[in-house]
Amino acid sequence: MSDEIKLVMAYIRPDKLSDVKQALAEVGAPSLTVTNVSGRGSQPAKKGQWRGEEYTVDLHQKVKVECVVADIPAEDVADAIVDAASTDEKGDGKVFVLPVDSAYQIRTGKTGPDAV
């Protein structure tokens, strides 16, 4: 077991969440946190009309997936997310890998990699 704890954070299309969950389970990282978010990047804005008024949607719905790992390489987790979330179009999202200084498991009191 490695002494390094990493946070793998990804912003993906909502419709790719099921594929990402399955890919994470296959690499041995089934624990994750999912949050619905809105954001703007290279994906173009969409124009629409409502009651005769034109409006622009430049904040797109995304899903933020967070996965903290200590016993498997963070690069494997990031690669699994990229492979599962890719549609080869703008707006597929981003994956970030960050170091985690420490971790504490509330129920057991474990710390460090044992808490993950």
PDB file of N, CA and C in Angstrom:
ATOM      1  N   MET A   1       0.840  -1.185   0.000  1.00  0.00           N
ATOM      2  CA  MET A   1       0.000   0.000   0.000  1.00  0.00           C
ATOM      3  C   MET A   1       0.882   1.245   0.000  1.00  0.00           C
ATOM      4  N   SER A   2       0.515   2.202  -0.792  1.00  0.00           N
ATOM      5  CA  SER A   2       1.267   3.440  -0.907  1.00  0.00           C
ATOM      6  C   SER A   2       0.898   4.387   0.232  1.00  0.00           C
ATOM      7  N   ASP A   3       1.834   5.275   0.586  1.00  0.00           N
ATOM      8  CA  ASP A   3       1.559   6.270   1.613  1.00  0.00           C
ATOM      9  C   ASP A   3       0.942   7.523   1.014  1.00  0.00           C
ATOM     10  N   GLU A   4       0.794   7.563  -0.295  1.00  0.00           N
ATOM     11  CA  GLU A   4       0.227   8.735  -0.957  1.00  0.00           C
ATOM     12  C   GLU A   4      -1.272   8.603  -1.099  1.00  0.00           C
ATOM     13  N   ILE A   5      -1.964   9.688  -0.768  1.00  0.00           N
ATOM     14  CA  ILE A   5      -3.407   9.748  -0.966  1.00  0.00           C
ATOM     15  C   ILE A   5      -3.652  10.790  -2.048  1.00  0.00           C
ATOM     16  N   LYS A   6      -4.476  10.451  -3.022  1.00  0.00           N
ATOM     17  CA  LYS A   6      -4.768  11.371  -4.130  1.00  0.00           C
ATOM     18  C   LYS A   6      -6.277  11.553  -4.261  1.00  0.00           C
ATOM     19  N   LEU A   7      -6.659  12.758  -4.656  1.00  0.00           N
ATOM     20  CA  LEU A   7      -8.042  13.060  -4.996  1.00  0.00           C
ATOM     21  C   LEU A   7      -8.129  13.187  -6.505  1.00  0.00           C
ATOM     22  N   VAL A   8      -8.931  12.337  -7.117  1.00  0.00           N
ATOM     23  CA  VAL A   8      -9.175  12.420  -8.557  1.00  0.00           C
ATOM     24  C   VAL A   8     -10.540  13.087  -8.705  1.00  0.00           C
ATOM     25  N   MET A   9     -10.549  14.249  -9.348  1.00  0.00           N
ATOM     26  CA  MET A   9     -11.755  15.049  -9.496  1.00  0.00           C
ATOM     27  C   MET A   9     -12.026  15.238 -10.978  1.00  0.00           C
ATOM     28  N   ALA A  10     -13.243  14.941 -11.396  1.00  0.00           N
ATOM     29  CA  ALA A  10     -13.584  15.035 -12.814  1.00  0.00           C
ATOM     30  C   ALA A  10     -14.898  15.783 -12.993  1.00  0.00           C
ATOM     31  N   TYR A  11     -14.955  16.564 -14.063  1.00  0.00           N
ATOM     32  CA  TYR A  11     -16.191  17.218 -14.485  1.00  0.00           C
ATOM     33  C   TYR A  11     -16.578  16.577 -15.809  1.00  0.00           C
ATOM     34  N   ILE A  12     -17.725  15.916 -15.842  1.00  0.00           N
ATOM     35  CA  ILE A  12     -18.117  15.136 -17.012  1.00  0.00           C
ATOM     36  C   ILE A  12     -19.553  15.464 -17.428  1.00  0.00           C
ATOM     37  N   ARG A  13     -19.932  14.970 -18.610  1.00  0.00           N
ATOM     38  CA  ARG A  13     -21.315  15.096 -19.070  1.00  0.00           C
ATOM     39  C   ARG A  13     -22.204  14.199 -18.199  1.00  0.00           C
ATOM     40  N   PRO A  14     -23.385  14.685 -17.830  1.00  0.00           N
ATOM     41  CA  PRO A  14     -24.273  13.865 -16.977  1.00  0.00           C
ATOM     42  C   PRO A  14     -24.618  12.506 -17.574  1.00  0.00           C
ATOM     43  N   ASP A  15     -24.753  12.427 -18.885  1.00  0.00           N
ATOM     44  CA  ASP A  15     -25.139  11.163 -19.503  1.00  0.00           C
ATOM     45  C   ASP A  15     -24.016  10.125 -19.504  1.00  0.00           C
ATOM     46  N   LYS A  16     -22.795  10.519 -19.128  1.00  0.00           N
ATOM     47  CA  LYS A  16     -21.671   9.580 -19.084  1.00  0.00           C
ATOM     48  C   LYS A  16     -21.406   9.048 -17.667  1.00  0.00           C
ATOM     49  N   LEU A  17     -22.220   9.465 -16.696  1.00  0.00           N
ATOM     50  CA  LEU A  17     -21.985   9.068 -15.306  1.00  0.00           C
ATOM     51  C   LEU A  17     -22.047   7.554 -15.125  1.00  0.00           C
ATOM     52  N   SER A  18     -23.007   6.904 -15.720  1.00  0.00           N
ATOM     53  CA  SER A  18     -23.135   5.451 -15.579  1.00  0.00           C
ATOM     54  C   SER A  18     -21.889   4.738 -16.101  1.00  0.00           C
ATOM     55  N   ASP A  19     -21.394   5.175 -17.251  1.00  0.00           N
ATOM     56  CA  ASP A  19     -20.183   4.574 -17.821  1.00  0.00           C
ATOM     57  C   ASP A  19     -18.976   4.795 -16.911  1.00  0.00           C
ATOM     58  N   VAL A  20     -18.874   5.985 -16.328  1.00  0.00           N
ATOM     59  CA  VAL A  20     -17.747   6.297 -15.444  1.00  0.00           C
ATOM     60  C   VAL A  20     -17.824   5.458 -14.171  1.00  0.00           C
ATOM     61  N   LYS A  21     -19.016   5.310 -13.593  1.00  0.00           N
ATOM     62  CA  LYS A  21     -19.162   4.485 -12.389  1.00  0.00           C
ATOM     63  C   LYS A  21     -18.721   3.057 -12.659  1.00  0.00           C
ATOM     64  N   GLN A  22     -19.114   2.513 -13.796  1.00  0.00           N
ATOM     65  CA  GLN A  22     -18.737   1.143 -14.152  1.00  0.00           C
ATOM     66  C   GLN A  22     -17.226   1.032 -14.346  1.00  0.00           C
ATOM     67  N   ALA A  23     -16.631   2.019 -15.015  1.00  0.00           N
ATOM     68  CA  ALA A  23     -15.178   1.993 -15.243  1.00  0.00           C
ATOM     69  C   ALA A  23     -14.413   2.087 -13.931  1.00  0.00           C
ATOM     70  N   LEU A  24     -14.893   2.900 -12.991  1.00  0.00           N
ATOM     71  CA  LEU A  24     -14.226   3.011 -11.694  1.00  0.00           C
ATOM     72  C   LEU A  24     -14.312   1.706 -10.916  1.00  0.00           C
ATOM     73  N   ALA A  25     -15.451   1.053 -10.974  1.00  0.00           N
ATOM     74  CA  ALA A  25     -15.595  -0.244 -10.298  1.00  0.00           C
ATOM     75  C   ALA A  25     -14.633  -1.269 -10.889  1.00  0.00           C
ATOM     76  N   GLU A  26     -14.430  -1.224 -12.207  1.00  0.00           N
ATOM     77  CA  GLU A  26     -13.542  -2.181 -12.866  1.00  0.00           C
ATOM     78  C   GLU A  26     -12.075  -1.989 -12.492  1.00  0.00           C
ATOM     79  N   VAL A  27     -11.658  -0.750 -12.163  1.00  0.00           N
ATOM     80  CA  VAL A  27     -10.264  -0.528 -11.755  1.00  0.00           C
ATOM     81  C   VAL A  27     -10.094  -0.615 -10.242  1.00  0.00           C
ATOM     82  N   GLY A  28     -11.167  -0.937  -9.521  1.00  0.00           N
ATOM     83  CA  GLY A  28     -11.069  -1.129  -8.082  1.00  0.00           C
ATOM     84  C   GLY A  28     -11.262   0.133  -7.275  1.00  0.00           C
ATOM     85  N   ALA A  29     -11.958   1.125  -7.828  1.00  0.00           N
ATOM     86  CA  ALA A  29     -12.218   2.374  -7.113  1.00  0.00           C
ATOM     87  C   ALA A  29     -13.724   2.648  -7.107  1.00  0.00           C
ATOM     88  N   PRO A  30     -14.503   1.831  -6.393  1.00  0.00           N
ATOM     89  CA  PRO A  30     -15.954   1.987  -6.441  1.00  0.00           C
ATOM     90  C   PRO A  30     -16.490   3.152  -5.609  1.00  0.00           C
ATOM     91  N   SER A  31     -15.706   3.674  -4.653  1.00  0.00           N
ATOM     92  CA  SER A  31     -16.171   4.759  -3.794  1.00  0.00           C
ATOM     93  C   SER A  31     -16.011   6.095  -4.492  1.00  0.00           C
ATOM     94  N   LEU A  32     -17.102   6.857  -4.538  1.00  0.00           N
ATOM     95  CA  LEU A  32     -17.042   8.151  -5.188  1.00  0.00           C
ATOM     96  C   LEU A  32     -18.118   9.061  -4.637  1.00  0.00           C
ATOM     97  N   THR A  33     -17.948  10.346  -4.893  1.00  0.00           N
ATOM     98  CA  THR A  33     -18.932  11.357  -4.547  1.00  0.00           C
ATOM     99  C   THR A  33     -19.324  12.052  -5.840  1.00  0.00           C
ATOM    100  N   VAL A  34     -20.626  12.260  -6.026  1.00  0.00           N
ATOM    101  CA  VAL A  34     -21.137  12.868  -7.252  1.00  0.00           C
ATOM    102  C   VAL A  34     -21.934  14.122  -6.885  1.00  0.00           C
ATOM    103  N   THR A  35     -21.665  15.207  -7.597  1.00  0.00           N
ATOM    104  CA  THR A  35     -22.355  16.475  -7.383  1.00  0.00           C
ATOM    105  C   THR A  35     -22.787  17.039  -8.730  1.00  0.00           C
ATOM    106  N   ASN A  36     -23.998  17.555  -8.813  1.00  0.00           N
ATOM    107  CA  ASN A  36     -24.456  18.236 -10.025  1.00  0.00           C
ATOM    108  C   ASN A  36     -23.942  19.671  -9.991  1.00  0.00           C
ATOM    109  N   VAL A  37     -23.276  20.088 -11.063  1.00  0.00           N
ATOM    110  CA  VAL A  37     -22.697  21.425 -11.139  1.00  0.00           C
ATOM    111  C   VAL A  37     -22.998  22.048 -12.500  1.00  0.00           C
ATOM    112  N   SER A  38     -22.765  23.355 -12.608  1.00  0.00           N
ATOM    113  CA  SER A  38     -22.865  24.060 -13.883  1.00  0.00           C
ATOM    114  C   SER A  38     -21.526  24.724 -14.148  1.00  0.00           C
ATOM    115  N   GLY A  39     -21.151  24.810 -15.413  1.00  0.00           N
ATOM    116  CA  GLY A  39     -19.872  25.429 -15.717  1.00  0.00           C
ATOM    117  C   GLY A  39     -19.774  25.869 -17.162  1.00  0.00           C
ATOM    118  N   ARG A  40     -18.690  26.578 -17.434  1.00  0.00           N
ATOM    119  CA  ARG A  40     -18.448  27.081 -18.776  1.00  0.00           C
ATOM    120  C   ARG A  40     -17.011  26.790 -19.139  1.00  0.00           C
ATOM    121  N   GLY A  41     -16.812  26.298 -20.345  1.00  0.00           N
ATOM    122  CA  GLY A  41     -15.472  26.005 -20.838  1.00  0.00           C
ATOM    123  C   GLY A  41     -15.444  26.235 -22.330  1.00  0.00           C
ATOM    124  N   SER A  42     -14.888  25.283 -23.063  1.00  0.00           N
ATOM    125  CA  SER A  42     -14.769  25.446 -24.506  1.00  0.00           C
ATOM    126  C   SER A  42     -16.049  25.059 -25.255  1.00  0.00           C
ATOM    127  N   GLN A  43     -17.010  24.464 -24.543  1.00  0.00           N
ATOM    128  CA  GLN A  43     -18.276  24.090 -25.175  1.00  0.00           C
ATOM    129  C   GLN A  43     -19.037  25.363 -25.552  1.00  0.00           C
ATOM    130  N   PRO A  44     -19.511  25.460 -26.788  1.00  0.00           N
ATOM    131  CA  PRO A  44     -20.168  26.697 -27.220  1.00  0.00           C
ATOM    132  C   PRO A  44     -21.485  26.952 -26.493  1.00  0.00           C
ATOM    133  N   ALA A  45     -21.837  28.241 -26.368  1.00  0.00           N
ATOM    134  CA  ALA A  45     -23.108  28.626 -25.757  1.00  0.00           C
ATOM    135  C   ALA A  45     -24.259  28.250 -26.683  1.00  0.00           C
ATOM    136  N   LYS A  46     -25.403  27.996 -26.086  1.00  0.00           N
ATOM    137  CA  LYS A  46     -26.596  27.665 -26.862  1.00  0.00           C
ATOM    138  C   LYS A  46     -27.584  28.814 -26.744  1.00  0.00           C
ATOM    139  N   LYS A  47     -28.244  29.123 -27.844  1.00  0.00           N
ATOM    140  CA  LYS A  47     -29.266  30.158 -27.848  1.00  0.00           C
ATOM    141  C   LYS A  47     -30.630  29.489 -27.885  1.00  0.00           C
ATOM    142  N   GLY A  48     -31.580  30.112 -27.195  1.00  0.00           N
ATOM    143  CA  GLY A  48     -32.935  29.588 -27.181  1.00  0.00           C
ATOM    144  C   GLY A  48     -33.935  30.720 -27.128  1.00  0.00           C
ATOM    145  N   GLN A  49     -35.198  30.373 -27.208  1.00  0.00           N
ATOM    146  CA  GLN A  49     -36.255  31.358 -27.114  1.00  0.00           C
ATOM    147  C   GLN A  49     -37.306  30.867 -26.153  1.00  0.00           C
ATOM    148  N   TRP A  50     -37.803  31.801 -25.337  1.00  0.00           N
ATOM    149  CA  TRP A  50     -38.865  31.480 -24.404  1.00  0.00           C
ATOM    150  C   TRP A  50     -39.804  32.663 -24.346  1.00  0.00           C
ATOM    151  N   ARG A  51     -41.053  32.432 -24.674  1.00  0.00           N
ATOM    152  CA  ARG A  51     -42.078  33.489 -24.704  1.00  0.00           C
ATOM    153  C   ARG A  51     -41.650  34.687 -25.545  1.00  0.00           C
ATOM    154  N   GLY A  52     -41.057  34.391 -26.676  1.00  0.00           N
ATOM    155  CA  GLY A  52     -40.661  35.440 -27.607  1.00  0.00           C
ATOM    156  C   GLY A  52     -39.358  36.136 -27.286  1.00  0.00           C
ATOM    157  N   GLU A  53     -38.764  35.824 -26.159  1.00  0.00           N
ATOM    158  CA  GLU A  53     -37.493  36.443 -25.767  1.00  0.00           C
ATOM    159  C   GLU A  53     -36.351  35.474 -26.040  1.00  0.00           C
ATOM    160  N   GLU A  54     -35.284  35.980 -26.649  1.00  0.00           N
ATOM    161  CA  GLU A  54     -34.113  35.147 -26.900  1.00  0.00           C
ATOM    162  C   GLU A  54     -33.206  35.164 -25.665  1.00  0.00           C
ATOM    163  N   TYR A  55     -32.659  34.019 -25.331  1.00  0.00           N
ATOM    164  CA  TYR A  55     -31.727  33.925 -24.209  1.00  0.00           C
ATOM    165  C   TYR A  55     -30.550  33.042 -24.592  1.00  0.00           C
ATOM    166  N   THR A  56     -29.453  33.192 -23.853  1.00  0.00           N
ATOM    167  CA  THR A  56     -28.244  32.417 -24.102  1.00  0.00           C
ATOM    168  C   THR A  56     -27.931  31.555 -22.884  1.00  0.00           C
ATOM    169  N   VAL A  57     -27.672  30.299 -23.135  1.00  0.00           N
ATOM    170  CA  VAL A  57     -27.255  29.379 -22.071  1.00  0.00           C
ATOM    171  C   VAL A  57     -25.759  29.143 -22.247  1.00  0.00           C
ATOM    172  N   ASP A  58     -24.959  29.743 -21.356  1.00  0.00           N
ATOM    173  CA  ASP A  58     -23.514  29.540 -21.459  1.00  0.00           C
ATOM    174  C   ASP A  58     -22.962  28.755 -20.277  1.00  0.00           C
ATOM    175  N   LEU A  59     -23.806  28.430 -19.314  1.00  0.00           N
ATOM    176  CA  LEU A  59     -23.413  27.536 -18.234  1.00  0.00           C
ATOM    177  C   LEU A  59     -24.066  26.187 -18.504  1.00  0.00           C
ATOM    178  N   HIS A  60     -23.249  25.172 -18.731  1.00  0.00           N
ATOM    179  CA  HIS A  60     -23.749  23.847 -19.099  1.00  0.00           C
ATOM    180  C   HIS A  60     -23.781  22.941 -17.876  1.00  0.00           C
ATOM    181  N   GLN A  61     -24.774  22.064 -17.840  1.00  0.00           N
ATOM    182  CA  GLN A  61     -24.899  21.113 -16.741  1.00  0.00           C
ATOM    183  C   GLN A  61     -23.797  20.057 -16.851  1.00  0.00           C
ATOM    184  N   LYS A  62     -23.110  19.842 -15.758  1.00  0.00           N
ATOM    185  CA  LYS A  62     -22.055  18.831 -15.665  1.00  0.00           C
ATOM    186  C   LYS A  62     -22.243  18.043 -14.377  1.00  0.00           C
ATOM    187  N   VAL A  63     -21.500  16.974 -14.249  1.00  0.00           N
ATOM    188  CA  VAL A  63     -21.460  16.194 -13.023  1.00  0.00           C
ATOM    189  C   VAL A  63     -20.014  16.202 -12.531  1.00  0.00           C
ATOM    190  N   LYS A  64     -19.845  16.521 -11.261  1.00  0.00           N
ATOM    191  CA  LYS A  64     -18.515  16.491 -10.645  1.00  0.00           C
ATOM    192  C   LYS A  64     -18.387  15.152  -9.914  1.00  0.00           C
ATOM    193  N   VAL A  65     -17.355  14.398 -10.274  1.00  0.00           N
ATOM    194  CA  VAL A  65     -17.095  13.097  -9.662  1.00  0.00           C
ATOM    195  C   VAL A  65     -15.787  13.202  -8.893  1.00  0.00           C
ATOM    196  N   GLU A  66     -15.830  12.837  -7.609  1.00  0.00           N
ATOM    197  CA  GLU A  66     -14.623  12.863  -6.779  1.00  0.00           C
ATOM    198  C   GLU A  66     -14.356  11.455  -6.258  1.00  0.00           C
ATOM    199  N   CYS A  67     -13.106  11.068  -6.330  1.00  0.00           N
ATOM    200  CA  CYS A  67     -12.696   9.735  -5.893  1.00  0.00           C
ATOM    201  C   CYS A  67     -11.343   9.863  -5.190  1.00  0.00           C
ATOM    202  N   VAL A  68     -11.291   9.481  -3.914  1.00  0.00           N
ATOM    203  CA  VAL A  68     -10.043   9.530  -3.161  1.00  0.00           C
ATOM    204  C   VAL A  68      -9.453   8.130  -3.138  1.00  0.00           C
ATOM    205  N   VAL A  69      -8.180   8.020  -3.547  1.00  0.00           N
ATOM    206  CA  VAL A  69      -7.538   6.709  -3.622  1.00  0.00           C
ATOM    207  C   VAL A  69      -6.194   6.721  -2.912  1.00  0.00           C
ATOM    208  N   ALA A  70      -5.854   5.567  -2.354  1.00  0.00           N
ATOM    209  CA  ALA A  70      -4.554   5.407  -1.716  1.00  0.00           C
ATOM    210  C   ALA A  70      -3.911   4.086  -2.121  1.00  0.00           C
ATOM    211  N   ASP A  71      -4.734   3.071  -2.367  1.00  0.00           N
ATOM    212  CA  ASP A  71      -4.190   1.739  -2.629  1.00  0.00           C
ATOM    213  C   ASP A  71      -4.126   1.378  -4.107  1.00  0.00           C
ATOM    214  N   ILE A  72      -4.637   2.244  -4.977  1.00  0.00           N
ATOM    215  CA  ILE A  72      -4.507   2.034  -6.417  1.00  0.00           C
ATOM    216  C   ILE A  72      -3.978   3.324  -7.039  1.00  0.00           C
ATOM    217  N   PRO A  73      -3.255   3.238  -8.130  1.00  0.00           N
ATOM    218  CA  PRO A  73      -2.676   4.447  -8.735  1.00  0.00           C
ATOM    219  C   PRO A  73      -3.751   5.423  -9.220  1.00  0.00           C
ATOM    220  N   ALA A  74      -3.576   6.687  -8.865  1.00  0.00           N
ATOM    221  CA  ALA A  74      -4.521   7.727  -9.288  1.00  0.00           C
ATOM    222  C   ALA A  74      -4.561   7.842 -10.807  1.00  0.00           C
ATOM    223  N   GLU A  75      -3.448   7.557 -11.464  1.00  0.00           N
ATOM    224  CA  GLU A  75      -3.402   7.632 -12.921  1.00  0.00           C
ATOM    225  C   GLU A  75      -4.331   6.593 -13.557  1.00  0.00           C
ATOM    226  N   ASP A  76      -4.441   5.411 -12.934  1.00  0.00           N
ATOM    227  CA  ASP A  76      -5.357   4.387 -13.439  1.00  0.00           C
ATOM    228  C   ASP A  76      -6.810   4.859 -13.332  1.00  0.00           C
ATOM    229  N   VAL A  77      -7.110   5.529 -12.230  1.00  0.00           N
ATOM    230  CA  VAL A  77      -8.460   6.053 -12.015  1.00  0.00           C
ATOM    231  C   VAL A  77      -8.749   7.156 -13.033  1.00  0.00           C
ATOM    232  N   ALA A  78      -7.797   8.069 -13.215  1.00  0.00           N
ATOM    233  CA  ALA A  78      -7.973   9.162 -14.176  1.00  0.00           C
ATOM    234  C   ALA A  78      -8.138   8.619 -15.597  1.00  0.00           C
ATOM    235  N   ASP A  79      -7.318   7.641 -15.963  1.00  0.00           N
ATOM    236  CA  ASP A  79      -7.427   7.039 -17.298  1.00  0.00           C
ATOM    237  C   ASP A  79      -8.784   6.361 -17.504  1.00  0.00           C
ATOM    238  N   ALA A  80      -9.285   5.698 -16.468  1.00  0.00           N
ATOM    239  CA  ALA A  80     -10.586   5.031 -16.564  1.00  0.00           C
ATOM    240  C   ALA A  80     -11.699   6.054 -16.792  1.00  0.00           C
ATOM    241  N   ILE A  81     -11.605   7.189 -16.095  1.00  0.00           N
ATOM    242  CA  ILE A  81     -12.612   8.240 -16.260  1.00  0.00           C
ATOM    243  C   ILE A  81     -12.546   8.822 -17.669  1.00  0.00           C
ATOM    244  N   VAL A  82     -11.337   9.123 -18.134  1.00  0.00           N
ATOM    245  CA  VAL A  82     -11.173   9.701 -19.470  1.00  0.00           C
ATOM    246  C   VAL A  82     -11.730   8.760 -20.533  1.00  0.00           C
ATOM    247  N   ASP A  83     -11.393   7.477 -20.442  1.00  0.00           N
ATOM    248  CA  ASP A  83     -11.866   6.513 -21.434  1.00  0.00           C
ATOM    249  C   ASP A  83     -13.391   6.381 -21.419  1.00  0.00           C
ATOM    250  N   ALA A  84     -13.978   6.361 -20.212  1.00  0.00           N
ATOM    251  CA  ALA A  84     -15.422   6.156 -20.101  1.00  0.00           C
ATOM    252  C   ALA A  84     -16.229   7.402 -20.449  1.00  0.00           C
ATOM    253  N   ALA A  85     -15.667   8.589 -20.213  1.00  0.00           N
ATOM    254  CA  ALA A  85     -16.424   9.838 -20.397  1.00  0.00           C
ATOM    255  C   ALA A  85     -16.243  10.454 -21.780  1.00  0.00           C
ATOM    256  N   SER A  86     -15.330   9.952 -22.562  1.00  0.00           N
ATOM    257  CA  SER A  86     -15.003  10.584 -23.837  1.00  0.00           C
ATOM    258  C   SER A  86     -16.072  10.361 -24.901  1.00  0.00           C
ATOM    259  N   THR A  87     -16.439  11.465 -25.579  1.00  0.00           N
ATOM    260  CA  THR A  87     -17.300  11.398 -26.763  1.00  0.00           C
ATOM    261  C   THR A  87     -16.581  12.020 -27.954  1.00  0.00           C
ATOM    262  N   ASP A  88     -15.363  12.511 -27.742  1.00  0.00           N
ATOM    263  CA  ASP A  88     -14.559  13.192 -28.760  1.00  0.00           C
ATOM    264  C   ASP A  88     -15.208  14.481 -29.252  1.00  0.00           C
ATOM    265  N   GLU A  89     -15.992  15.124 -28.385  1.00  0.00           N
ATOM    266  CA  GLU A  89     -16.616  16.399 -28.717  1.00  0.00           C
ATOM    267  C   GLU A  89     -16.259  17.422 -27.649  1.00  0.00           C
ATOM    268  N   LYS A  90     -16.398  18.711 -28.006  1.00  0.00           N
ATOM    269  CA  LYS A  90     -16.190  19.759 -27.004  1.00  0.00           C
ATOM    270  C   LYS A  90     -17.196  19.567 -25.881  1.00  0.00           C
ATOM    271  N   GLY A  91     -16.736  19.857 -24.655  1.00  0.00           N
ATOM    272  CA  GLY A  91     -17.622  19.734 -23.503  1.00  0.00           C
ATOM    273  C   GLY A  91     -17.558  18.384 -22.816  1.00  0.00           C
ATOM    274  N   ASP A  92     -16.606  17.526 -23.208  1.00  0.00           N
ATOM    275  CA  ASP A  92     -16.469  16.230 -22.538  1.00  0.00           C
ATOM    276  C   ASP A  92     -16.062  16.384 -21.079  1.00  0.00           C
ATOM    277  N   GLY A  93     -15.317  17.427 -20.752  1.00  0.00           N
ATOM    278  CA  GLY A  93     -14.950  17.669 -19.364  1.00  0.00           C
ATOM    279  C   GLY A  93     -13.457  17.625 -19.125  1.00  0.00           C
ATOM    280  N   LYS A  94     -13.111  17.593 -17.847  1.00  0.00           N
ATOM    281  CA  LYS A  94     -11.711  17.604 -17.419  1.00  0.00           C
ATOM    282  C   LYS A  94     -11.547  16.664 -16.231  1.00  0.00           C
ATOM    283  N   VAL A  95     -10.316  16.187 -16.039  1.00  0.00           N
ATOM    284  CA  VAL A  95      -9.959  15.366 -14.883  1.00  0.00           C
ATOM    285  C   VAL A  95      -8.743  15.997 -14.222  1.00  0.00           C
ATOM    286  N   PHE A  96      -8.800  16.136 -12.904  1.00  0.00           N
ATOM    287  CA  PHE A  96      -7.690  16.695 -12.130  1.00  0.00           C
ATOM    288  C   PHE A  96      -7.264  15.685 -11.076  1.00  0.00           C
ATOM    289  N   VAL A  97      -5.968  15.574 -10.834  1.00  0.00           N
ATOM    290  CA  VAL A  97      -5.435  14.709  -9.778  1.00  0.00           C
ATOM    291  C   VAL A  97      -4.704  15.604  -8.796  1.00  0.00           C
ATOM    292  N   LEU A  98      -5.147  15.582  -7.534  1.00  0.00           N
ATOM    293  CA  LEU A  98      -4.603  16.454  -6.499  1.00  0.00           C
ATOM    294  C   LEU A  98      -4.064  15.636  -5.334  1.00  0.00           C
ATOM    295  N   PRO A  99      -2.997  16.098  -4.686  1.00  0.00           N
ATOM    296  CA  PRO A  99      -2.526  15.408  -3.489  1.00  0.00           C
ATOM    297  C   PRO A  99      -3.448  15.704  -2.305  1.00  0.00           C
ATOM    298  N   VAL A 100      -3.588  14.728  -1.413  1.00  0.00           N
ATOM    299  CA  VAL A 100      -4.366  14.902  -0.190  1.00  0.00           C
ATOM    300  C   VAL A 100      -3.389  14.815   0.977  1.00  0.00           C
ATOM    301  N   ASP A 101      -3.349  15.862   1.799  1.00  0.00           N
ATOM    302  CA  ASP A 101      -2.402  15.900   2.919  1.00  0.00           C
ATOM    303  C   ASP A 101      -2.702  14.845   3.975  1.00  0.00           C
ATOM    304  N   SER A 102      -3.974  14.699   4.325  1.00  0.00           N
ATOM    305  CA  SER A 102      -4.334  13.705   5.328  1.00  0.00           C
ATOM    306  C   SER A 102      -5.796  13.335   5.179  1.00  0.00           C
ATOM    307  N   ALA A 103      -6.158  12.215   5.790  1.00  0.00           N
ATOM    308  CA  ALA A 103      -7.538  11.742   5.761  1.00  0.00           C
ATOM    309  C   ALA A 103      -7.871  11.152   7.122  1.00  0.00           C
ATOM    310  N   TYR A 104      -9.122  11.320   7.530  1.00  0.00           N
ATOM    311  CA  TYR A 104      -9.599  10.813   8.811  1.00  0.00           C
ATOM    312  C   TYR A 104     -10.926  10.109   8.592  1.00  0.00           C
ATOM    313  N   GLN A 105     -11.031   8.889   9.097  1.00  0.00           N
ATOM    314  CA  GLN A 105     -12.310   8.184   9.033  1.00  0.00           C
ATOM    315  C   GLN A 105     -13.025   8.427  10.343  1.00  0.00           C
ATOM    316  N   ILE A 106     -14.196   9.024  10.268  1.00  0.00           N
ATOM    317  CA  ILE A 106     -14.904   9.459  11.465  1.00  0.00           C
ATOM    318  C   ILE A 106     -15.301   8.283  12.352  1.00  0.00           C
ATOM    319  N   ARG A 107     -15.875   7.247  11.779  1.00  0.00           N
ATOM    320  CA  ARG A 107     -16.403   6.129  12.571  1.00  0.00           C
ATOM    321  C   ARG A 107     -15.308   5.383  13.324  1.00  0.00           C
ATOM    322  N   THR A 108     -14.199   5.071  12.638  1.00  0.00           N
ATOM    323  CA  THR A 108     -13.172   4.219  13.249  1.00  0.00           C
ATOM    324  C   THR A 108     -12.016   4.990  13.858  1.00  0.00           C
ATOM    325  N   GLY A 109     -11.843   6.253  13.456  1.00  0.00           N
ATOM    326  CA  GLY A 109     -10.715   7.026  13.936  1.00  0.00           C
ATOM    327  C   GLY A 109      -9.431   6.756  13.172  1.00  0.00           C
ATOM    328  N   LYS A 110      -9.490   5.950  12.124  1.00  0.00           N
ATOM    329  CA  LYS A 110      -8.309   5.676  11.313  1.00  0.00           C
ATOM    330  C   LYS A 110      -7.854   6.951  10.617  1.00  0.00           C
ATOM    331  N   THR A 111      -6.549   7.020  10.360  1.00  0.00           N
ATOM    332  CA  THR A 111      -5.998   8.193   9.690  1.00  0.00           C
ATOM    333  C   THR A 111      -5.096   7.758   8.532  1.00  0.00           C
ATOM    334  N   GLY A 112      -4.794   8.712   7.662  1.00  0.00           N
ATOM    335  CA  GLY A 112      -3.907   8.449   6.537  1.00  0.00           C
ATOM    336  C   GLY A 112      -4.514   7.492   5.541  1.00  0.00           C
ATOM    337  N   PRO A 113      -3.669   6.715   4.844  1.00  0.00           N
ATOM    338  CA  PRO A 113      -4.179   5.786   3.831  1.00  0.00           C
ATOM    339  C   PRO A 113      -5.162   4.753   4.370  1.00  0.00           C
ATOM    340  N   ASP A 114      -5.047   4.399   5.650  1.00  0.00           N
ATOM    341  CA  ASP A 114      -5.970   3.435   6.242  1.00  0.00           C
ATOM    342  C   ASP A 114      -7.399   3.983   6.308  1.00  0.00           C
ATOM    343  N   ALA A 115      -7.532   5.303   6.330  1.00  0.00           N
ATOM    344  CA  ALA A 115      -8.857   5.922   6.398  1.00  0.00           C
ATOM    345  C   ALA A 115      -9.565   5.927   5.050  1.00  0.00           C
ATOM    346  N   VAL A 116      -8.781   5.751   3.989  1.00  0.00           N
ATOM    347  CA  VAL A 116      -9.368   5.792   2.647  1.00  0.00           C
ATOM    348  C   VAL A 116      -9.945   4.437   2.325  1.00  0.00           C
TER     349      VAL A 116
END
